[in-house]
Amino acid sequence: MSKRNIHIVPSGNRWAVKPEGSAQPASTHLTQGAAAQAGRRLAQANQSELVIHRPNGQIRDKDSYGNDSCPPKDAKH
């Protein structure tokens, strides 16, 4: 897989891990937390960005796992 962003999006009554530009999700999960955990592993393996969405589709959070030449100070972790 190339360095495409990984999105955690609502999918019916489940949550999907969807690589950017892909028609099909990589996996689906019962909870957003489980989907985020799976998406995080995929983003780390591909050195890409994880984008977590709210149930209404709005972006809730982003985490970058790529090589950033000027990384910001992460206050979350």
N, C-alpha and C. Protein backbone atom coordinates (compact mmCIF):
# COMPACT_ATOMS: atom_id res chain seq x y z
N MET A 1 0.83 -1.17 0.00
CA MET A 1 0.00 0.00 0.00
C MET A 1 0.88 1.24 0.00
N SER A 2 0.46 2.22 -0.77
CA SER A 2 1.22 3.47 -0.83
C SER A 2 0.92 4.32 0.40
N LYS A 3 1.53 5.49 0.47
CA LYS A 3 1.37 6.37 1.63
C LYS A 3 0.07 7.18 1.54
N ARG A 4 -1.05 6.49 1.56
CA ARG A 4 -2.35 7.16 1.55
C ARG A 4 -2.83 7.34 2.99
N ASN A 5 -3.51 8.45 3.24
CA ASN A 5 -4.08 8.67 4.56
C ASN A 5 -5.10 7.58 4.87
N ILE A 6 -5.22 7.24 6.15
CA ILE A 6 -6.17 6.24 6.61
C ILE A 6 -7.27 6.97 7.37
N HIS A 7 -8.53 6.75 6.97
CA HIS A 7 -9.66 7.43 7.58
C HIS A 7 -10.49 6.45 8.39
N ILE A 8 -10.93 6.88 9.57
CA ILE A 8 -11.87 6.13 10.39
C ILE A 8 -13.21 6.83 10.21
N VAL A 9 -14.15 6.15 9.55
CA VAL A 9 -15.42 6.78 9.18
C VAL A 9 -16.59 5.91 9.62
N PRO A 10 -17.75 6.54 9.89
CA PRO A 10 -18.94 5.75 10.20
C PRO A 10 -19.40 5.00 8.97
N SER A 11 -19.89 3.78 9.19
CA SER A 11 -20.38 2.95 8.09
C SER A 11 -21.61 2.20 8.60
N GLY A 12 -22.77 2.80 8.43
CA GLY A 12 -23.99 2.22 9.00
C GLY A 12 -23.92 2.30 10.51
N ASN A 13 -24.06 1.15 11.18
CA ASN A 13 -23.95 1.13 12.64
C ASN A 13 -22.58 0.63 13.08
N ARG A 14 -21.61 0.66 12.18
CA ARG A 14 -20.24 0.23 12.47
C ARG A 14 -19.28 1.36 12.10
N TRP A 15 -17.98 1.10 12.30
CA TRP A 15 -16.92 2.05 11.93
C TRP A 15 -15.98 1.36 10.95
N ALA A 16 -15.59 2.08 9.90
CA ALA A 16 -14.74 1.51 8.85
C ALA A 16 -13.36 2.15 8.86
N VAL A 17 -12.36 1.33 8.57
CA VAL A 17 -10.98 1.79 8.36
C VAL A 17 -10.83 1.87 6.85
N LYS A 18 -10.76 3.08 6.32
CA LYS A 18 -10.79 3.26 4.88
C LYS A 18 -9.56 4.01 4.38
N PRO A 19 -8.69 3.36 3.62
CA PRO A 19 -7.56 4.06 3.00
C PRO A 19 -8.09 5.11 2.00
N GLU A 20 -7.49 6.26 1.98
CA GLU A 20 -7.90 7.35 1.10
C GLU A 20 -7.89 6.89 -0.36
N GLY A 21 -8.97 7.16 -1.06
CA GLY A 21 -9.07 6.82 -2.47
C GLY A 21 -9.55 5.40 -2.73
N SER A 22 -9.73 4.62 -1.70
CA SER A 22 -10.18 3.24 -1.85
C SER A 22 -11.71 3.18 -1.79
N ALA A 23 -12.30 2.37 -2.66
CA ALA A 23 -13.75 2.21 -2.66
C ALA A 23 -14.21 1.31 -1.52
N GLN A 24 -13.38 0.35 -1.13
CA GLN A 24 -13.72 -0.61 -0.08
C GLN A 24 -12.92 -0.33 1.18
N PRO A 25 -13.53 -0.50 2.36
CA PRO A 25 -12.78 -0.33 3.60
C PRO A 25 -11.79 -1.48 3.80
N ALA A 26 -10.71 -1.21 4.51
CA ALA A 26 -9.74 -2.26 4.83
C ALA A 26 -10.34 -3.20 5.87
N SER A 27 -11.16 -2.64 6.79
CA SER A 27 -11.85 -3.46 7.80
C SER A 27 -12.98 -2.65 8.40
N THR A 28 -13.92 -3.33 9.08
CA THR A 28 -14.99 -2.65 9.80
C THR A 28 -15.01 -3.16 11.24
N HIS A 29 -15.49 -2.31 12.15
CA HIS A 29 -15.44 -2.62 13.58
C HIS A 29 -16.71 -2.13 14.26
N LEU A 30 -17.04 -2.73 15.40
CA LEU A 30 -18.23 -2.34 16.16
C LEU A 30 -18.08 -0.98 16.82
N THR A 31 -16.86 -0.63 17.24
CA THR A 31 -16.65 0.64 17.93
C THR A 31 -15.63 1.50 17.19
N GLN A 32 -15.70 2.80 17.44
CA GLN A 32 -14.75 3.73 16.85
C GLN A 32 -13.35 3.46 17.41
N GLY A 33 -13.27 3.11 18.68
CA GLY A 33 -11.98 2.83 19.30
C GLY A 33 -11.26 1.65 18.67
N ALA A 34 -12.02 0.58 18.40
CA ALA A 34 -11.42 -0.59 17.76
C ALA A 34 -10.96 -0.26 16.34
N ALA A 35 -11.76 0.53 15.63
CA ALA A 35 -11.39 0.94 14.27
C ALA A 35 -10.15 1.83 14.30
N ALA A 36 -10.08 2.74 15.27
CA ALA A 36 -8.93 3.63 15.39
C ALA A 36 -7.66 2.84 15.69
N GLN A 37 -7.77 1.83 16.52
CA GLN A 37 -6.61 1.00 16.86
C GLN A 37 -6.10 0.27 15.61
N ALA A 38 -7.01 -0.30 14.83
CA ALA A 38 -6.62 -1.00 13.59
C ALA A 38 -6.06 0.00 12.58
N GLY A 39 -6.69 1.16 12.47
CA GLY A 39 -6.23 2.19 11.54
C GLY A 39 -4.86 2.72 11.92
N ARG A 40 -4.61 2.85 13.22
CA ARG A 40 -3.31 3.33 13.71
C ARG A 40 -2.19 2.38 13.29
N ARG A 41 -2.43 1.07 13.44
CA ARG A 41 -1.41 0.09 13.02
C ARG A 41 -1.15 0.19 11.52
N LEU A 42 -2.22 0.36 10.74
CA LEU A 42 -2.07 0.48 9.29
C LEU A 42 -1.33 1.77 8.91
N ALA A 43 -1.66 2.87 9.57
CA ALA A 43 -0.98 4.16 9.29
C ALA A 43 0.50 4.09 9.68
N GLN A 44 0.80 3.45 10.79
CA GLN A 44 2.20 3.31 11.21
C GLN A 44 2.97 2.45 10.22
N ALA A 45 2.38 1.36 9.77
CA ALA A 45 3.05 0.46 8.82
C ALA A 45 3.32 1.16 7.49
N ASN A 46 2.43 2.09 7.11
CA ASN A 46 2.57 2.77 5.82
C ASN A 46 3.13 4.18 5.95
N GLN A 47 3.52 4.58 7.16
CA GLN A 47 4.04 5.91 7.42
C GLN A 47 3.15 6.99 6.81
N SER A 48 1.86 6.92 7.17
CA SER A 48 0.89 7.87 6.64
C SER A 48 0.15 8.54 7.80
N GLU A 49 -0.91 9.25 7.49
CA GLU A 49 -1.66 9.98 8.50
C GLU A 49 -2.97 9.26 8.81
N LEU A 50 -3.34 9.23 10.08
CA LEU A 50 -4.61 8.67 10.53
C LEU A 50 -5.57 9.82 10.78
N VAL A 51 -6.74 9.77 10.15
CA VAL A 51 -7.75 10.82 10.28
C VAL A 51 -9.00 10.17 10.86
N ILE A 52 -9.39 10.59 12.07
CA ILE A 52 -10.56 10.03 12.75
C ILE A 52 -11.72 11.01 12.62
N HIS A 53 -12.85 10.52 12.14
CA HIS A 53 -14.04 11.35 11.91
C HIS A 53 -15.07 11.13 13.02
N ARG A 54 -15.93 12.12 13.21
CA ARG A 54 -17.07 12.02 14.12
C ARG A 54 -18.21 11.30 13.40
N PRO A 55 -19.26 10.90 14.12
CA PRO A 55 -20.40 10.24 13.46
C PRO A 55 -21.04 11.10 12.36
N ASN A 56 -20.94 12.44 12.46
CA ASN A 56 -21.51 13.31 11.43
C ASN A 56 -20.56 13.54 10.25
N GLY A 57 -19.37 12.91 10.28
CA GLY A 57 -18.41 13.03 9.19
C GLY A 57 -17.34 14.08 9.42
N GLN A 58 -17.53 14.96 10.39
CA GLN A 58 -16.56 16.01 10.69
C GLN A 58 -15.28 15.37 11.26
N ILE A 59 -14.12 15.95 10.93
CA ILE A 59 -12.84 15.43 11.43
C ILE A 59 -12.73 15.71 12.92
N ARG A 60 -12.46 14.66 13.69
CA ARG A 60 -12.31 14.78 15.14
C ARG A 60 -10.86 14.89 15.56
N ASP A 61 -9.98 14.13 14.87
CA ASP A 61 -8.58 14.07 15.28
C ASP A 61 -7.71 13.60 14.12
N LYS A 62 -6.43 13.97 14.16
CA LYS A 62 -5.45 13.52 13.16
C LYS A 62 -4.17 13.14 13.89
N ASP A 63 -3.52 12.11 13.41
CA ASP A 63 -2.20 11.72 13.90
C ASP A 63 -1.34 11.36 12.70
N SER A 64 -0.12 11.89 12.66
CA SER A 64 0.79 11.62 11.55
C SER A 64 1.83 10.60 11.99
N TYR A 65 2.04 9.58 11.16
CA TYR A 65 3.03 8.56 11.43
C TYR A 65 4.10 8.51 10.34
N GLY A 66 4.20 9.57 9.55
CA GLY A 66 5.20 9.63 8.49
C GLY A 66 6.46 10.34 8.95
N ASN A 67 7.37 10.51 8.04
CA ASN A 67 8.61 11.22 8.33
C ASN A 67 8.36 12.71 8.11
N ASP A 68 8.20 13.44 9.18
CA ASP A 68 7.94 14.88 9.11
C ASP A 68 9.24 15.61 9.40
N SER A 69 9.67 16.46 8.48
CA SER A 69 10.94 17.16 8.65
C SER A 69 10.89 18.19 9.77
N CYS A 70 9.69 18.66 10.09
CA CYS A 70 9.53 19.66 11.15
C CYS A 70 8.32 19.27 12.00
N PRO A 71 8.46 18.23 12.81
CA PRO A 71 7.29 17.76 13.55
C PRO A 71 6.85 18.74 14.64
N PRO A 72 5.54 18.92 14.80
CA PRO A 72 5.05 19.79 15.87
C PRO A 72 5.17 19.06 17.21
N LYS A 73 5.17 19.81 18.29
CA LYS A 73 5.18 19.20 19.61
C LYS A 73 3.79 18.64 19.87
N ASP A 74 3.73 17.33 20.15
CA ASP A 74 2.47 16.64 20.34
C ASP A 74 2.03 16.76 21.80
N ALA A 75 0.96 17.48 22.04
CA ALA A 75 0.46 17.67 23.40
C ALA A 75 -0.47 16.55 23.83
N LYS A 76 -0.92 15.72 22.88
CA LYS A 76 -1.87 14.65 23.19
C LYS A 76 -1.21 13.44 23.82
N HIS A 77 -0.01 13.14 23.40
CA HIS A 77 0.62 11.88 23.82
C HIS A 77 1.82 12.12 24.71
